[in-house]
Protein backbone atom coordinates (compact mmCIF):
# COMPACT_ATOMS: atom_id res chain seq x y z
CA MET A 1 -16.42 -4.26 -1.89
CA THR A 2 -13.54 -1.89 -2.21
CA LEU A 3 -14.13 0.68 0.50
CA TYR A 4 -15.87 1.99 3.60
CA GLU A 5 -19.05 -0.13 3.59
CA LYS A 6 -19.62 0.21 7.30
CA ASN A 7 -18.95 3.94 7.58
CA ASN A 8 -21.14 4.60 4.58
CA GLU A 9 -24.16 2.93 6.17
CA GLN A 10 -23.90 5.33 9.11
CA GLN A 11 -23.34 8.29 6.78
CA GLN A 12 -26.37 7.38 4.70
CA GLN A 13 -28.54 7.09 7.81
CA GLN A 14 -27.43 10.55 8.96
CA GLN A 15 -28.02 12.00 5.52
CA HIS A 16 -31.47 10.44 5.31
CA THR A 17 -32.34 11.82 8.76
CA THR A 18 -31.37 15.31 7.63
CA ILE A 19 -32.85 15.25 4.15
CA LEU A 20 -35.89 13.00 4.31
CA VAL A 21 -39.18 14.12 5.79
CA ASN A 22 -42.46 12.30 6.28
CA ASN A 23 -43.74 13.23 2.88
CA GLU A 24 -45.26 10.76 0.46
CA GLN A 25 -43.72 12.73 -2.42
CA THR A 26 -40.18 12.17 -1.15
CA PRO A 27 -38.40 9.84 -3.62
CA LEU A 28 -37.41 6.43 -2.34
CA LEU A 29 -34.15 6.48 -4.29
CA LEU A 30 -32.10 9.60 -3.75
CA PRO A 31 -29.61 10.85 -6.33
CA ASN A 32 -26.14 9.47 -5.97
CA LYS A 33 -24.82 12.96 -5.28
CA ILE A 34 -26.52 13.00 -1.86
CA SER A 35 -24.26 10.26 -0.59
CA LYS A 36 -21.35 12.57 -1.30
CA THR A 37 -22.77 15.83 -0.02
CA LYS A 38 -20.57 16.04 3.03
CA THR A 39 -18.09 13.21 2.83
CA GLY A 40 -15.87 11.91 0.10
CA GLY A 41 -14.05 9.04 1.70
CA PRO A 42 -14.00 6.62 4.60
CA TYR A 43 -12.43 9.12 6.94
CA ASN A 44 -15.04 11.88 6.59
CA GLU A 45 -12.86 14.04 4.34
CA PRO A 46 -14.44 16.07 1.52
CA PRO A 47 -14.04 14.79 -2.07
CA ALA A 48 -10.97 16.54 -3.47
CA ALA A 49 -9.62 14.34 -6.28
CA SER A 50 -9.09 16.03 -9.64
CA PHE A 51 -9.87 14.57 -13.07
CA THR A 52 -6.16 14.06 -13.76
CA GLY A 53 -5.53 12.42 -10.40
CA ALA A 54 -8.49 10.09 -10.93
CA VAL A 55 -7.22 9.10 -14.40
CA PHE A 56 -3.77 8.34 -12.98
CA ASN A 57 -5.21 6.22 -10.15
CA LEU A 58 -7.56 4.25 -12.41
CA SER A 59 -4.88 3.82 -15.08
CA THR A 60 -2.50 2.56 -12.40
CA THR A 61 -5.15 0.04 -11.32
CA ILE A 62 -5.45 -1.16 -14.93
CA ILE A 63 -1.79 -1.18 -15.98
CA GLY A 64 -0.35 -3.72 -13.62
CA ALA A 65 1.43 -7.02 -13.93
CA GLY A 66 -0.72 -8.30 -16.79
CA ILE A 67 1.09 -6.09 -19.28
CA MET A 68 4.26 -8.17 -18.90
CA ALA A 69 2.42 -11.27 -20.13
CA LEU A 70 0.86 -9.57 -23.18
CA PRO A 71 3.81 -10.23 -25.53
CA ALA A 72 3.49 -13.91 -24.60
CA THR A 73 -0.18 -13.81 -25.62
CA MET A 74 0.94 -12.57 -29.04
CA LYS A 75 3.12 -15.69 -29.25
CA VAL A 76 -0.02 -17.76 -28.65
CA LEU A 77 -2.50 -15.79 -30.79
CA GLY A 78 -0.33 -14.09 -33.40
CA LEU A 79 -0.12 -10.30 -33.78
CA ALA A 80 -3.33 -9.69 -35.73
CA LEU A 81 -5.59 -11.84 -33.57
CA GLY A 82 -3.84 -10.68 -30.39
CA VAL A 83 -4.24 -6.95 -31.07
CA GLY A 84 -7.85 -7.51 -32.09
CA ALA A 85 -8.50 -9.36 -28.83
CA ILE A 86 -7.03 -6.48 -26.79
CA ALA A 87 -9.29 -3.97 -28.58
CA ILE A 88 -12.39 -6.13 -28.03
CA LEU A 89 -11.62 -6.57 -24.32
CA ALA A 90 -11.20 -2.80 -23.94
CA VAL A 91 -14.64 -2.17 -25.46
CA LEU A 92 -16.26 -4.83 -23.26
CA ALA A 93 -14.56 -3.40 -20.18
CA GLU A 94 -15.89 0.08 -20.97
CA TYR A 95 -19.40 -1.30 -21.40
CA SER A 96 -19.30 -3.30 -18.16
CA LEU A 97 -18.06 -0.25 -16.22
CA ASP A 98 -20.81 1.86 -17.76
CA VAL A 99 -23.44 -0.67 -16.65
CA LEU A 100 -21.94 -0.82 -13.17
CA MET A 101 -21.94 2.96 -12.68
CA ARG A 102 -25.46 3.40 -14.09
CA PHE A 103 -26.91 0.90 -11.62
CA SER A 104 -24.81 2.41 -8.83
CA LYS A 105 -26.25 5.87 -9.48
CA VAL A 106 -29.87 4.77 -9.67
CA GLY A 107 -29.56 2.54 -6.61
CA ASN A 108 -27.62 5.17 -4.63
CA ALA A 109 -24.84 2.58 -4.16
CA VAL A 110 -21.33 3.77 -3.41
CA THR A 111 -19.58 0.39 -3.65
CA TYR A 112 -19.62 -2.52 -6.06
CA SER A 113 -20.79 -4.86 -3.30
CA GLN A 114 -23.83 -2.65 -2.64
CA VAL A 115 -24.79 -2.93 -6.31
CA MET A 116 -24.46 -6.71 -6.08
CA GLU A 117 -26.54 -6.78 -2.91
CA SER A 118 -29.30 -4.69 -4.49
CA ALA A 119 -29.51 -7.20 -7.35
CA PHE A 120 -28.85 -10.53 -5.64
CA GLY A 121 -29.14 -9.91 -1.91
CA ARG A 122 -26.62 -10.94 0.72
CA VAL A 123 -25.48 -13.96 -1.33
CA GLY A 124 -24.49 -11.70 -4.21
CA ARG A 125 -22.58 -9.41 -1.90
CA ARG A 126 -20.68 -12.30 -0.30
CA LEU A 127 -19.85 -13.87 -3.66
CA PHE A 128 -18.47 -10.57 -4.88
CA GLN A 129 -16.33 -10.17 -1.75
CA ILE A 130 -14.82 -13.63 -2.26
CA CYS A 131 -14.02 -12.84 -5.90
CA ILE A 132 -12.45 -9.49 -5.00
CA PHE A 133 -10.25 -11.16 -2.42
CA VAL A 134 -9.11 -13.92 -4.80
CA ASN A 135 -8.53 -11.46 -7.65
CA ASN A 136 -6.68 -8.76 -5.74
CA PHE A 137 -4.66 -11.21 -3.68
CA GLY A 138 -3.65 -13.11 -6.82
CA ILE A 139 -2.68 -9.93 -8.66
CA LEU A 140 -0.55 -8.72 -5.75
CA VAL A 141 1.20 -12.09 -5.67
CA VAL A 142 1.95 -11.68 -9.38
CA TYR A 143 3.38 -8.20 -8.75
CA MET A 144 5.73 -9.61 -6.15
CA ILE A 145 6.75 -12.51 -8.40
CA ILE A 146 7.71 -10.07 -11.17
CA ILE A 147 9.64 -7.88 -8.73
CA GLY A 148 11.52 -11.01 -7.66
CA ASP A 149 12.15 -11.98 -11.31
CA VAL A 150 13.57 -8.54 -12.04
CA LEU A 151 15.81 -8.23 -8.99
CA SER A 152 16.86 -11.85 -8.40
CA GLY A 153 16.20 -13.63 -11.70
CA THR A 154 14.07 -16.66 -12.55
CA SER A 155 14.67 -20.30 -13.50
CA THR A 156 11.11 -21.39 -14.31
CA THR A 157 12.03 -22.45 -17.87
CA GLY A 158 14.94 -24.59 -16.69
CA ILE A 159 17.42 -21.89 -17.73
CA HIS A 160 18.41 -19.25 -15.20
CA HIS A 161 17.69 -15.71 -16.37
CA PHE A 162 19.72 -13.34 -14.23
CA GLY A 163 18.08 -10.53 -12.33
CA VAL A 164 19.55 -7.08 -11.78
CA LEU A 165 21.19 -7.83 -8.43
CA ASP A 166 22.67 -11.26 -9.17
CA GLY A 167 23.72 -9.95 -12.57
CA TRP A 168 25.63 -7.09 -10.96
CA PHE A 169 27.04 -8.75 -7.86
CA GLY A 170 26.83 -12.49 -8.50
CA GLU A 171 24.91 -15.03 -6.44
CA HIS A 172 25.00 -14.32 -2.70
CA TRP A 173 22.57 -14.88 0.15
CA TRP A 174 21.55 -11.21 0.00
CA THR A 175 20.74 -11.39 -3.74
CA MET A 176 18.52 -14.45 -3.33
CA ARG A 177 14.83 -14.04 -4.10
CA THR A 178 13.48 -14.66 -0.59
CA PHE A 179 15.72 -12.06 1.06
CA VAL A 180 15.32 -9.45 -1.68
CA LEU A 181 11.53 -9.72 -1.59
CA LEU A 182 11.57 -9.51 2.20
CA MET A 183 13.56 -6.25 2.12
CA THR A 184 11.35 -4.86 -0.65
CA THR A 185 8.25 -5.72 1.34
CA LEU A 186 9.50 -4.23 4.61
CA PHE A 187 10.92 -0.98 3.24
CA VAL A 188 8.80 -0.21 0.15
CA LEU A 189 5.53 -2.15 -0.16
CA ALA A 190 4.46 -2.20 3.49
CA PRO A 191 4.93 1.56 4.12
CA LEU A 192 2.92 2.42 0.99
CA ALA A 193 0.19 -0.02 2.06
CA PHE A 194 -0.53 2.04 5.20
CA PHE A 195 -2.11 4.99 3.36
CA LYS A 196 -5.77 5.33 4.35
CA GLN A 197 -7.12 7.21 1.29
CA ILE A 198 -6.57 6.23 -2.30
CA ASP A 199 -6.25 9.86 -3.41
CA SER A 200 -3.14 10.05 -1.21
CA LEU A 201 -1.53 7.78 -3.81
CA ARG A 202 -2.18 10.12 -6.75
CA TYR A 203 1.46 11.22 -6.98
CA THR A 204 2.88 7.72 -6.74
CA SER A 205 0.29 6.66 -9.34
CA ALA A 206 1.48 9.41 -11.69
CA ILE A 207 5.06 8.21 -11.22
CA ALA A 208 3.92 4.61 -11.83
CA VAL A 209 2.30 5.56 -15.16
CA ALA A 210 5.43 7.51 -16.13
CA LEU A 211 7.61 4.49 -15.36
CA ALA A 212 5.38 2.29 -17.53
CA LEU A 213 5.88 4.81 -20.34
CA VAL A 214 9.66 4.73 -19.79
CA PHE A 215 9.56 0.96 -20.24
CA LEU A 216 7.44 1.33 -23.38
CA VAL A 217 9.60 4.06 -24.97
CA ILE A 218 12.79 2.05 -24.48
CA LEU A 219 11.12 -1.13 -25.77
CA VAL A 220 9.89 0.65 -28.91
CA GLY A 221 13.27 2.33 -29.44
CA ILE A 222 15.21 -0.93 -29.15
CA THR A 223 12.81 -2.71 -31.51
CA PHE A 224 13.02 0.01 -34.17
CA LEU A 225 16.82 0.06 -33.94
CA LYS A 226 17.02 -3.70 -34.43
CA LEU A 227 14.40 -3.50 -37.19
CA PHE A 228 16.51 -1.03 -39.16
CA ASN A 229 19.60 -3.18 -38.56
CA GLY A 230 17.82 -6.25 -39.91
CA GLY A 231 17.77 -7.99 -36.54
CA ILE A 232 13.99 -8.56 -36.43
CA THR A 233 12.33 -11.52 -38.12
CA THR A 234 8.84 -11.29 -39.62
CA PRO A 235 6.31 -11.95 -36.83
CA ARG A 236 3.41 -14.34 -37.07
CA LEU A 237 0.11 -12.55 -37.64
CA LEU A 238 -2.04 -15.60 -36.88
CA PRO A 239 -1.72 -18.55 -34.49
CA THR A 240 -0.10 -21.81 -35.51
CA ILE A 241 -2.76 -24.55 -35.62
CA THR A 242 -1.50 -28.12 -35.89
CA ASP A 243 -3.92 -30.23 -33.82
CA MET A 244 -6.73 -29.96 -31.26
CA ASN A 245 -4.28 -29.18 -28.48
CA SER A 246 -3.09 -26.10 -30.34
CA ILE A 247 -6.72 -24.95 -30.65
CA TRP A 248 -7.37 -25.41 -26.93
CA ASN A 249 -4.12 -23.59 -26.23
CA LEU A 250 -5.50 -20.42 -27.85
CA PHE A 251 -7.95 -20.05 -24.99
CA THR A 252 -5.16 -19.89 -22.41
CA ALA A 253 -4.56 -16.31 -23.56
CA VAL A 254 -8.09 -15.22 -22.63
CA PRO A 255 -7.59 -15.02 -18.83
CA ILE A 256 -4.40 -13.00 -19.38
CA LEU A 257 -6.29 -10.47 -21.49
CA VAL A 258 -9.17 -10.40 -19.00
CA ASN A 259 -6.73 -9.55 -16.21
CA ALA A 260 -5.40 -6.65 -18.25
CA PHE A 261 -8.59 -4.57 -18.14
CA VAL A 262 -10.29 -5.25 -14.83
CA CYS A 263 -10.23 -2.12 -12.68
CA HIS A 264 -13.78 -2.43 -11.34
CA SER A 265 -12.73 -2.91 -7.72
CA ASN A 266 -11.48 0.68 -7.43
CA VAL A 267 -13.84 2.64 -9.68
CA HIS A 268 -16.32 3.41 -6.87
CA THR A 269 -13.52 4.53 -4.57
CA ILE A 270 -12.21 6.91 -7.21
CA ASN A 271 -15.74 8.14 -7.96
CA MET A 272 -16.39 8.94 -4.30
CA GLU A 273 -13.22 11.01 -4.04
CA LEU A 274 -13.83 12.96 -7.27
CA GLN A 275 -14.70 16.63 -6.82
CA ASP A 276 -17.29 16.19 -9.59
CA SER A 277 -18.66 12.64 -9.66
CA SER A 278 -20.40 13.28 -12.99
CA ARG A 279 -16.95 13.03 -14.61
CA ILE A 280 -16.43 9.38 -13.73
CA GLN A 281 -17.36 8.21 -17.26
CA PRO A 282 -14.78 10.50 -18.93
CA VAL A 283 -12.27 9.27 -16.34
CA VAL A 284 -13.04 5.64 -17.27
CA ARG A 285 -12.79 6.29 -21.01
CA ALA A 286 -9.54 8.25 -20.71
CA SER A 287 -8.00 5.56 -18.51
CA LEU A 288 -9.05 2.70 -20.78
CA THR A 289 -7.81 4.54 -23.88
CA LEU A 290 -4.42 5.28 -22.31
CA SER A 291 -4.11 1.70 -21.06
CA SER A 292 -5.14 0.18 -24.40
CA VAL A 293 -2.53 2.18 -26.30
CA ILE A 294 0.20 1.14 -23.85
CA TYR A 295 -0.98 -2.49 -23.97
CA ILE A 296 -1.08 -2.74 -27.77
CA LEU A 297 2.32 -1.11 -28.22
CA THR A 298 3.89 -3.29 -25.51
CA ALA A 299 2.40 -6.47 -26.98
CA ILE A 300 3.46 -5.66 -30.54
CA PHE A 301 6.99 -4.46 -29.85
CA GLY A 302 7.68 -7.03 -27.14
CA PHE A 303 6.77 -9.86 -29.51
CA LEU A 304 8.65 -8.23 -32.42
CA LEU A 305 11.79 -7.95 -30.31
CA PHE A 306 11.88 -11.48 -28.88
CA GLY A 307 9.66 -13.47 -31.27
CA GLU A 308 9.21 -17.12 -30.38
CA SER A 309 11.68 -16.72 -27.50
CA THR A 310 9.26 -14.45 -25.63
CA LEU A 311 8.88 -15.62 -22.02
CA ASP A 312 5.72 -15.55 -19.89
CA ASP A 313 7.18 -12.52 -18.12
CA VAL A 314 8.80 -10.50 -20.91
CA LEU A 315 10.98 -8.65 -18.40
CA ALA A 316 12.92 -11.88 -17.91
CA ASN A 317 13.99 -11.62 -21.58
CA PHE A 318 15.99 -8.49 -20.80
CA ASP A 319 18.99 -10.36 -19.42
CA VAL A 320 20.88 -11.01 -22.66
CA ASP A 321 22.88 -8.95 -25.13
CA LEU A 322 20.32 -7.37 -27.46
CA GLY A 323 22.92 -6.68 -30.13
CA ILE A 324 22.75 -2.89 -29.79
CA PRO A 325 24.98 -0.26 -28.12
CA TYR A 326 24.56 0.06 -24.35
CA SER A 327 22.48 -3.12 -24.30
CA SER A 328 23.32 -3.97 -20.70
CA LEU A 329 22.44 -0.47 -19.46
CA LEU A 330 19.14 -0.41 -21.34
CA ASN A 331 18.26 -3.88 -20.05
CA ASP A 332 18.72 -2.71 -16.48
CA ILE A 333 16.76 0.52 -17.01
CA VAL A 334 13.84 -1.42 -18.50
CA ARG A 335 13.71 -3.94 -15.68
CA ILE A 336 14.28 -1.51 -12.82
CA SER A 337 11.76 1.03 -14.12
CA TYR A 338 9.03 -1.58 -14.32
CA ALA A 339 9.91 -3.12 -10.98
CA PHE A 340 9.45 0.31 -9.41
CA HIS A 341 6.22 0.73 -11.38
CA LEU A 342 4.81 -2.42 -9.78
CA MET A 343 5.96 -1.33 -6.34
CA LEU A 344 3.92 1.88 -6.78
CA VAL A 345 0.89 0.02 -8.18
CA PHE A 346 0.91 -2.43 -5.26
CA PRO A 347 -0.75 -0.10 -2.67
CA VAL A 348 -3.54 0.92 -5.09
CA ILE A 349 -4.68 -2.70 -5.48
CA PHE A 350 -3.97 -3.48 -1.83
CA PHE A 351 -6.34 -0.67 -0.84
CA SER A 352 -9.47 -2.51 -1.97
CA LEU A 353 -8.14 -5.90 -0.82
CA ARG A 354 -7.83 -4.68 2.77
CA PHE A 355 -11.30 -3.14 3.00
CA ASN A 356 -12.96 -6.13 1.37
CA PHE A 357 -11.13 -8.50 3.71
CA ASP A 358 -12.28 -6.48 6.71
CA GLU A 359 -15.92 -6.44 5.59
CA PHE A 360 -15.96 -10.14 4.82
CA ILE A 361 -14.20 -11.40 7.95
CA PHE A 362 -15.35 -8.79 10.47
CA ALA A 363 -18.76 -7.90 9.07
CA SER A 364 -20.41 -7.44 12.47
CA SER A 365 -17.60 -5.52 14.16
CA LYS A 366 -16.51 -1.89 13.99
CA SER A 367 -15.18 -0.45 10.75
CA LEU A 368 -11.54 -0.85 9.81
CA ASN A 369 -10.63 2.73 10.69
CA ALA A 370 -12.31 2.53 14.11
CA THR A 371 -9.13 1.37 15.83
CA LYS A 372 -5.53 1.85 14.83
CA TYR A 373 -4.68 -1.66 16.04
CA LYS A 374 -7.20 -3.29 13.70
CA PHE A 375 -6.03 -1.27 10.70
CA VAL A 376 -2.36 -2.02 11.34
CA SER A 377 -2.83 -5.72 12.13
CA THR A 378 -5.01 -6.31 9.06
CA THR A 379 -2.47 -4.58 6.83
CA VAL A 380 0.46 -6.53 8.29
CA VAL A 381 -1.28 -9.91 7.98
CA LEU A 382 -2.32 -9.37 4.35
CA VAL A 383 1.09 -8.08 3.25
CA ALA A 384 2.73 -11.08 4.95
CA LEU A 385 0.39 -13.53 3.20
CA VAL A 386 1.14 -11.98 -0.20
CA TYR A 387 4.87 -12.27 0.50
CA ILE A 388 4.59 -15.94 1.50
CA ALA A 389 2.47 -16.84 -1.54
CA ALA A 390 4.88 -15.09 -3.92
CA ASN A 391 7.73 -17.27 -2.70
CA PHE A 392 5.82 -20.47 -3.52
CA MET A 393 4.29 -19.51 -6.90
CA PRO A 394 6.80 -20.29 -9.69
CA SER A 395 5.41 -18.30 -12.65
CA ILE A 396 3.09 -15.37 -13.33
CA TRP A 397 1.45 -17.21 -16.26
CA TYR A 398 -0.37 -19.74 -14.10
CA ALA A 399 -1.24 -17.17 -11.43
CA LEU A 400 -2.73 -14.80 -14.02
CA GLN A 401 -4.59 -17.63 -15.73
CA PHE A 402 -6.12 -18.88 -12.48
CA THR A 403 -7.32 -15.48 -11.28
CA GLY A 404 -8.27 -14.36 -14.78
CA ALA A 405 -10.37 -17.44 -15.52
CA THR A 406 -12.21 -17.35 -12.18
CA ALA A 407 -12.53 -14.29 -9.96
CA THR A 408 -11.36 -11.63 -12.41
CA VAL A 409 -13.73 -12.54 -15.23
CA CYS A 410 -16.62 -12.51 -12.74
CA ILE A 411 -15.74 -9.06 -11.38
CA GLY A 412 -15.08 -7.49 -14.76
CA PHE A 413 -17.72 -9.06 -16.98
CA VAL A 414 -20.03 -11.71 -15.49
CA PHE A 415 -21.28 -9.71 -12.48
CA PRO A 416 -22.02 -6.44 -14.37
CA ALA A 417 -23.80 -8.43 -17.09
CA ALA A 418 -25.79 -10.40 -14.49
CA ILE A 419 -26.82 -7.15 -12.77
CA SER A 420 -28.05 -5.80 -16.10
CA ILE A 421 -30.07 -8.97 -16.79
CA ARG A 422 -31.54 -8.99 -13.26
CA ASP A 423 -32.29 -5.26 -13.67
CA PRO A 424 -33.35 -4.51 -10.07
CA HIS A 425 -34.22 -0.88 -10.88
CA GLY A 426 -35.83 -1.39 -14.30
CA ILE A 427 -33.31 0.73 -16.25
CA ALA A 428 -31.69 -1.85 -18.55
CA THR A 429 -32.57 -1.59 -22.23
CA GLU A 430 -33.15 -4.57 -24.50
CA LYS A 431 -29.72 -3.88 -26.03
CA ASP A 432 -28.16 -4.01 -22.55
CA LYS A 433 -29.68 -7.40 -21.84
CA ILE A 434 -28.68 -8.89 -25.20
CA LEU A 435 -25.09 -7.66 -24.83
CA SER A 436 -25.01 -8.93 -21.25
CA ILE A 437 -26.14 -12.42 -22.27
CA VAL A 438 -23.52 -12.52 -25.03
CA MET A 439 -20.83 -11.33 -22.60
CA ILE A 440 -21.67 -14.00 -20.02
CA VAL A 441 -21.75 -16.79 -22.63
CA LEU A 442 -18.40 -15.72 -24.10
CA ALA A 443 -16.82 -15.33 -20.66
CA VAL A 444 -17.97 -18.69 -19.34
CA PHE A 445 -17.20 -20.59 -22.56
CA SER A 446 -13.73 -19.17 -23.21
CA ASN A 447 -12.55 -19.28 -19.62
CA SER A 448 -13.86 -22.82 -19.09
CA LEU A 449 -11.82 -23.93 -22.08
CA ALA A 450 -8.82 -22.03 -20.71
CA ILE A 451 -9.08 -23.85 -17.39
CA TYR A 452 -9.41 -27.20 -19.18
CA SER A 453 -6.43 -26.45 -21.42
CA ASN A 454 -4.26 -25.43 -18.48
CA ALA A 455 -5.25 -28.49 -16.48
CA ALA A 456 -4.52 -30.73 -19.46
CA SER A 457 -1.16 -29.05 -20.03
CA MET A 458 -0.10 -29.36 -16.38
CA SER A 459 -1.18 -33.00 -16.15
CA GLY A 460 0.38 -33.97 -19.49
CA ILE A 461 -2.92 -34.87 -21.22
CA THR A 462 -2.67 -35.01 -24.97
CA SER A 463 -5.26 -35.54 -27.63
């Protein structure tokens, strides 16, 4: 659940009292629009989000930390297979979101967890809440890890790659990762996390998308310049297969790609705040198209630029002389722009994490906005936990693989497909059910192999 479950139950009861009469002809399932007649958010404010603002917010949800690992997936899959995989995941994401919103409309559900509950009861709702917490918490940890990599450097490969601060000023206690992340959390992330409506973040989301484009434009420009100067080697189009281990290794890229397109936790929130909720499908398509273009270009040009030296977090590659004029300045602009991008994305993802946490832990108590103390304390605790976890997790690759192969794949693909197969409202077509079965089989098979491959790699198992 991403938002205002408890308030919505009271709102729906009031709306039913006003609209429903003791008439046998009154429909049992009211149109989704009724749930938005008077309120558009958890704080009883009218829906006021524009199409553009909704696209920015959803695109910001999509374009997060996963983009930095996409060039590394090209190193695993090769350019041709990698780009094809991104395109396929985008199509599957659009289909799963379409299924989710269709069942939401028919069932008069205003949150993902309500759709799950209508299909699978309380167990389905609880399972979804657990997955949302694991997914969003894991993604926020990844954001903070990347911010730390950019500002304070990383040594996960055994070689220290300097960050912006230790590169400028040298190694001091105030340029160390723990202190830098603490200051970033206290003065940037935490204040943004206290916004109560997601539409309040529309301007920061627009800036976040712009910063992602700044990163992409500079990356493309540097790559073309080096290409014309003969500094780019021919990239691999296909993966290198030498033994069974190399085959299993291909599946480690799947969770990374899955992470890249899952925005399902915020789509209901954005829909509720839209002035015209019938435009949610165009919002989804526009956001996925924009994100896919940015993803494909980033993956291609990132891998072209660094080749087999591409790191799990490609930002960490921008600490060396690129062999072009103003290399050091461009390196810093690339890293700083994307670090700020992640800082602005952080509150959008945190928004659904906080409400889901409240519903799961305090299901029988008052809603999160009922008392200022509860809202503030929940926010502080969750931000602190993310900060602590980010200081213990060494690399984004393993964090993205764990969340992508478990909670994220369930939220983005398994749950929508399962809802379609269960078909609680009798609206799924035969095509829907066939596609849903295929999606579940592919998701379970590929991600199970990814988990096995990662476990084997970490434990040193060889064939």
